[in-house]
Amino acid sequence: MPAILCLETSAAVCSVAVIQNDLIQSETSVKIQAHAEVLSDLIKVCLKKADISFSELSAVAISEGPGSYTGLRIGTSTAKGICFGLEIPLIPLNTLKIIASAVIEQTPSETIWPMIDARRMEVYHCVFDRSLRALTEVKSGIITDRDFTPSIINKETVLCGDGAGKAAGILQLPYLNVHAHAEAMCQMAVKAYTAGEFADLASFEPFYLKQANITGSAAKSQD
């Protein structure tokens, strides 16, 4: 069975997991917005817990976005570095789908609507069914806009993700406080590895959805 390292850096808190033979070990940062500082140590600790060396890794899976611009860049550069150095494949996984996969066993709902906070009342979102098939396009939207809610949404649809908390009251829908985490990537990564769903290392870029709005002296306060 492959040994796959999973990196989730799209959110405010980053996490790392390793899966081999259906056994999962994971580590989560206790610091917010400190990906560059903590990611390398999280990987080392996680591999040590799993008793796996870097040379034994079969692939690296990355949460590709949408999400934090800075976090995605850090995660991608780290994943690419490992993959290039070990000559192993890179597996990109959509962040909204990762969140949806973590919710499946917690609800009988047929439609799951993960949302990622994009600041103020804006979110990145997509609706999935229980087989994790995307029912809408991944897009950004303003929760309070009249045309924000897709027609397939019903009162049983479950919201999740770090952007869904602010939407639950407005949309009057049930909400599960589940965010993107590396553990939820593991089984998806194994399936992708088996199917040979690998990214081109040279050309791969995160799925930012929108470019960061960084200008002048304000750069330090942006994602």
Protein backbone atom coordinates (compact mmCIF):
# COMPACT_ATOMS: atom_id res chain seq x y z
CA MET A 1 0.00 0.00 0.00
CA PRO A 2 1.24 3.51 -0.76
CA ALA A 3 2.44 5.85 1.98
CA ILE A 4 0.97 9.27 1.21
CA LEU A 5 1.74 12.56 2.94
CA CYS A 6 -1.24 14.95 3.00
CA LEU A 7 -0.82 18.71 3.47
CA GLU A 8 -3.73 21.04 4.25
CA THR A 9 -2.62 24.68 4.23
CA SER A 10 -5.65 26.46 2.78
CA ALA A 11 -7.11 27.46 6.15
CA ALA A 12 -5.94 29.63 9.05
CA VAL A 13 -4.62 26.53 10.86
CA CYS A 14 -2.60 24.05 8.83
CA SER A 15 -2.54 20.29 9.32
CA VAL A 16 -0.56 17.29 8.10
CA ALA A 17 -1.45 13.60 7.86
CA VAL A 18 0.16 10.38 6.67
CA ILE A 19 -1.76 7.31 5.54
CA GLN A 20 -0.35 3.83 4.96
CA ASN A 21 -2.22 0.51 5.15
CA ASP A 22 -5.36 2.43 6.22
CA LEU A 23 -3.51 3.72 9.30
CA ILE A 24 -3.56 7.50 9.70
CA GLN A 25 -1.34 9.74 11.80
CA SER A 26 -1.91 13.48 11.87
CA GLU A 27 -0.61 16.71 13.36
CA THR A 28 -2.31 20.11 13.58
CA SER A 29 -0.73 23.49 14.21
CA VAL A 30 -1.63 25.28 17.44
CA LYS A 31 -0.74 28.59 15.80
CA ILE A 32 -2.95 30.56 13.44
CA GLN A 33 -1.57 31.89 10.13
CA ALA A 34 1.87 30.43 10.87
CA HIS A 35 2.18 27.98 7.98
CA ALA A 36 5.71 28.92 6.95
CA GLU A 37 6.88 28.62 10.55
CA VAL A 38 5.28 25.30 11.50
CA LEU A 39 4.69 23.21 8.37
CA SER A 40 8.14 21.60 8.16
CA ASP A 41 8.07 20.58 11.83
CA LEU A 42 4.52 19.21 11.52
CA ILE A 43 5.64 17.00 8.65
CA LYS A 44 8.65 15.67 10.57
CA VAL A 45 6.60 14.91 13.69
CA CYS A 46 3.85 13.25 11.67
CA LEU A 47 6.27 11.01 9.78
CA LYS A 48 7.96 10.06 13.04
CA LYS A 49 4.60 9.10 14.60
CA ALA A 50 3.83 6.98 11.55
CA ASP A 51 7.33 5.45 11.63
CA ILE A 52 7.83 6.39 7.97
CA SER A 53 10.90 8.04 6.48
CA PHE A 54 10.78 10.58 3.65
CA SER A 55 12.28 7.98 1.29
CA GLU A 56 9.35 5.64 1.94
CA LEU A 57 6.73 8.12 0.73
CA SER A 58 4.85 7.15 -2.42
CA ALA A 59 3.21 10.54 -3.08
CA VAL A 60 2.27 13.89 -1.57
CA ALA A 61 -1.33 15.11 -1.60
CA ILE A 62 -2.02 18.82 -1.42
CA SER A 63 -5.23 20.67 -0.61
CA GLU A 64 -5.23 22.74 -3.80
CA GLY A 65 -7.77 25.41 -2.84
CA PRO A 66 -9.65 27.60 -2.96
CA GLY A 67 -8.52 29.19 0.28
CA SER A 68 -5.83 31.40 1.77
CA TYR A 69 -3.55 32.71 -0.99
CA THR A 70 -0.46 32.67 1.21
CA GLY A 71 -1.28 29.30 2.77
CA LEU A 72 -1.80 27.67 -0.61
CA ARG A 73 1.50 29.03 -1.92
CA ILE A 74 3.39 27.72 1.11
CA GLY A 75 1.77 24.30 0.93
CA THR A 76 2.34 23.99 -2.79
CA SER A 77 6.00 24.99 -2.66
CA THR A 78 6.61 22.51 0.17
CA ALA A 79 4.79 19.69 -1.61
CA LYS A 80 6.58 20.36 -4.89
CA GLY A 81 9.94 20.40 -3.16
CA ILE A 82 9.32 16.99 -1.60
CA CYS A 83 7.98 15.53 -4.83
CA PHE A 84 10.85 16.84 -6.95
CA GLY A 85 13.43 15.66 -4.43
CA LEU A 86 12.00 12.16 -4.08
CA GLU A 87 10.72 11.87 -7.66
CA ILE A 88 7.22 10.98 -6.48
CA PRO A 89 3.85 12.24 -7.77
CA LEU A 90 1.79 15.17 -6.52
CA ILE A 91 -1.93 14.63 -5.90
CA PRO A 92 -4.10 17.79 -5.90
CA LEU A 93 -7.41 17.62 -4.00
CA ASN A 94 -10.12 20.28 -4.09
CA THR A 95 -10.46 21.89 -0.65
CA LEU A 96 -14.25 22.16 -0.76
CA LYS A 97 -14.50 18.47 -1.63
CA ILE A 98 -12.20 17.64 1.28
CA ILE A 99 -14.56 19.45 3.64
CA ALA A 100 -17.60 17.70 2.16
CA SER A 101 -15.93 14.30 2.55
CA ALA A 102 -15.43 14.95 6.27
CA VAL A 103 -19.15 15.59 6.73
CA ILE A 104 -20.65 12.58 4.92
CA GLU A 105 -20.66 10.28 7.95
CA GLN A 106 -22.12 12.99 10.21
CA THR A 107 -25.33 13.65 8.30
CA PRO A 108 -27.94 11.76 6.23
CA SER A 109 -28.43 14.81 4.02
CA GLU A 110 -28.29 14.25 0.27
CA THR A 111 -26.75 17.68 -0.37
CA ILE A 112 -23.70 19.10 1.39
CA TRP A 113 -22.69 22.72 0.90
CA PRO A 114 -19.14 23.53 2.07
CA MET A 115 -18.07 27.16 2.23
CA ILE A 116 -14.66 28.74 2.71
CA ASP A 117 -14.41 32.18 4.24
CA ALA A 118 -13.29 34.77 1.68
CA ARG A 119 -13.69 37.71 4.12
CA ARG A 120 -16.65 39.89 5.01
CA MET A 121 -19.79 38.21 3.61
CA GLU A 122 -18.06 36.51 0.69
CA VAL A 123 -17.38 32.77 0.51
CA TYR A 124 -15.98 30.22 -1.92
CA HIS A 125 -18.52 27.43 -2.26
CA CYS A 126 -19.78 24.38 -4.14
CA VAL A 127 -22.61 21.90 -3.52
CA PHE A 128 -21.87 18.14 -3.41
CA ASP A 129 -24.04 15.03 -3.21
CA ARG A 130 -23.25 12.08 -0.95
CA SER A 131 -20.99 10.50 -3.55
CA LEU A 132 -18.96 13.74 -3.52
CA ARG A 133 -20.08 14.62 -7.02
CA ALA A 134 -20.08 18.37 -7.53
CA LEU A 135 -23.61 19.61 -8.28
CA THR A 136 -22.54 23.20 -8.94
CA GLU A 137 -19.41 24.98 -10.10
CA VAL A 138 -16.86 26.14 -7.55
CA LYS A 139 -17.31 29.88 -7.30
CA SER A 140 -17.24 32.88 -5.01
CA GLY A 141 -20.37 34.65 -3.87
CA ILE A 142 -21.83 37.14 -1.41
CA ILE A 143 -24.09 35.36 1.07
CA THR A 144 -26.57 38.24 1.20
CA ASP A 145 -26.98 38.50 -2.58
CA ARG A 146 -30.45 37.61 -3.84
CA ASP A 147 -29.15 35.07 -6.34
CA PHE A 148 -26.56 33.46 -4.03
CA THR A 149 -28.44 30.22 -3.21
CA PRO A 150 -28.42 27.54 -5.94
CA SER A 151 -31.83 26.16 -6.95
CA ILE A 152 -30.90 22.63 -5.80
CA ILE A 153 -30.66 23.71 -2.15
CA ASN A 154 -33.42 22.56 0.21
CA LYS A 155 -34.06 22.81 3.94
CA GLU A 156 -32.17 19.55 4.55
CA THR A 157 -28.95 20.78 2.92
CA VAL A 158 -26.08 20.86 5.43
CA LEU A 159 -23.61 23.73 5.53
CA CYS A 160 -19.99 23.19 6.59
CA GLY A 161 -16.58 24.84 6.36
CA ASP A 162 -15.11 27.95 7.98
CA GLY A 163 -17.31 30.24 5.91
CA ALA A 164 -20.58 28.49 6.69
CA GLY A 165 -21.01 29.71 10.25
CA LYS A 166 -21.84 33.22 9.12
CA ALA A 167 -24.19 31.86 6.45
CA ALA A 168 -26.23 29.43 8.54
CA GLY A 169 -28.41 32.05 10.24
CA ILE A 170 -28.99 34.04 7.08
CA LEU A 171 -29.83 31.02 4.94
CA GLN A 172 -31.71 29.19 7.73
CA LEU A 173 -29.95 25.90 7.07
CA PRO A 174 -28.35 23.29 9.39
CA TYR A 175 -24.63 23.74 9.99
CA LEU A 176 -21.81 21.39 11.01
CA ASN A 177 -18.66 22.99 12.38
CA VAL A 178 -16.30 20.97 10.17
CA HIS A 179 -13.33 22.62 8.47
CA ALA A 180 -10.64 21.46 6.05
CA HIS A 181 -8.19 19.04 7.69
CA ALA A 182 -5.46 16.76 6.38
CA GLU A 183 -7.08 13.65 7.90
CA ALA A 184 -10.07 14.07 5.60
CA MET A 185 -7.70 14.03 2.62
CA CYS A 186 -6.26 10.58 3.29
CA GLN A 187 -8.81 8.23 1.74
CA MET A 188 -9.35 10.63 -1.17
CA ALA A 189 -5.59 10.65 -1.75
CA VAL A 190 -5.38 6.85 -1.81
CA LYS A 191 -8.19 6.68 -4.40
CA ALA A 192 -6.50 9.33 -6.53
CA TYR A 193 -3.16 7.52 -6.27
CA THR A 194 -4.72 4.24 -7.36
CA ALA A 195 -6.40 6.00 -10.31
CA GLY A 196 -3.16 7.75 -11.28
CA GLU A 197 -4.67 11.21 -10.84
CA PHE A 198 -1.43 13.16 -10.57
CA ALA A 199 -0.57 16.79 -11.30
CA ASP A 200 2.17 17.93 -13.63
CA LEU A 201 4.84 19.06 -11.17
CA ALA A 202 6.33 21.71 -13.42
CA SER A 203 3.07 23.49 -14.23
CA PHE A 204 0.87 22.88 -11.18
CA GLU A 205 -0.54 25.96 -9.47
CA PRO A 206 -3.02 26.13 -6.58
CA PHE A 207 -6.68 26.79 -7.34
CA TYR A 208 -6.80 30.34 -6.00
CA LEU A 209 -10.18 31.10 -7.66
CA LYS A 210 -9.32 34.77 -7.14
CA GLN A 211 -5.90 36.41 -7.01
CA ALA A 212 -4.89 38.09 -3.76
CA ASN A 213 -5.61 41.80 -3.64
CA ILE A 214 -2.22 43.02 -2.41
CA THR A 215 -1.09 46.59 -2.96
CA GLY A 216 1.74 48.60 -1.49
CA SER A 217 2.05 48.84 2.28
CA ALA A 218 -1.16 46.87 2.78
CA ALA A 219 0.54 43.66 1.66
CA LYS A 220 1.39 42.52 5.18
CA SER A 221 -2.24 42.58 6.24
CA GLN A 222 -3.48 40.45 3.33
CA ASP A 223 -3.63 36.66 2.93
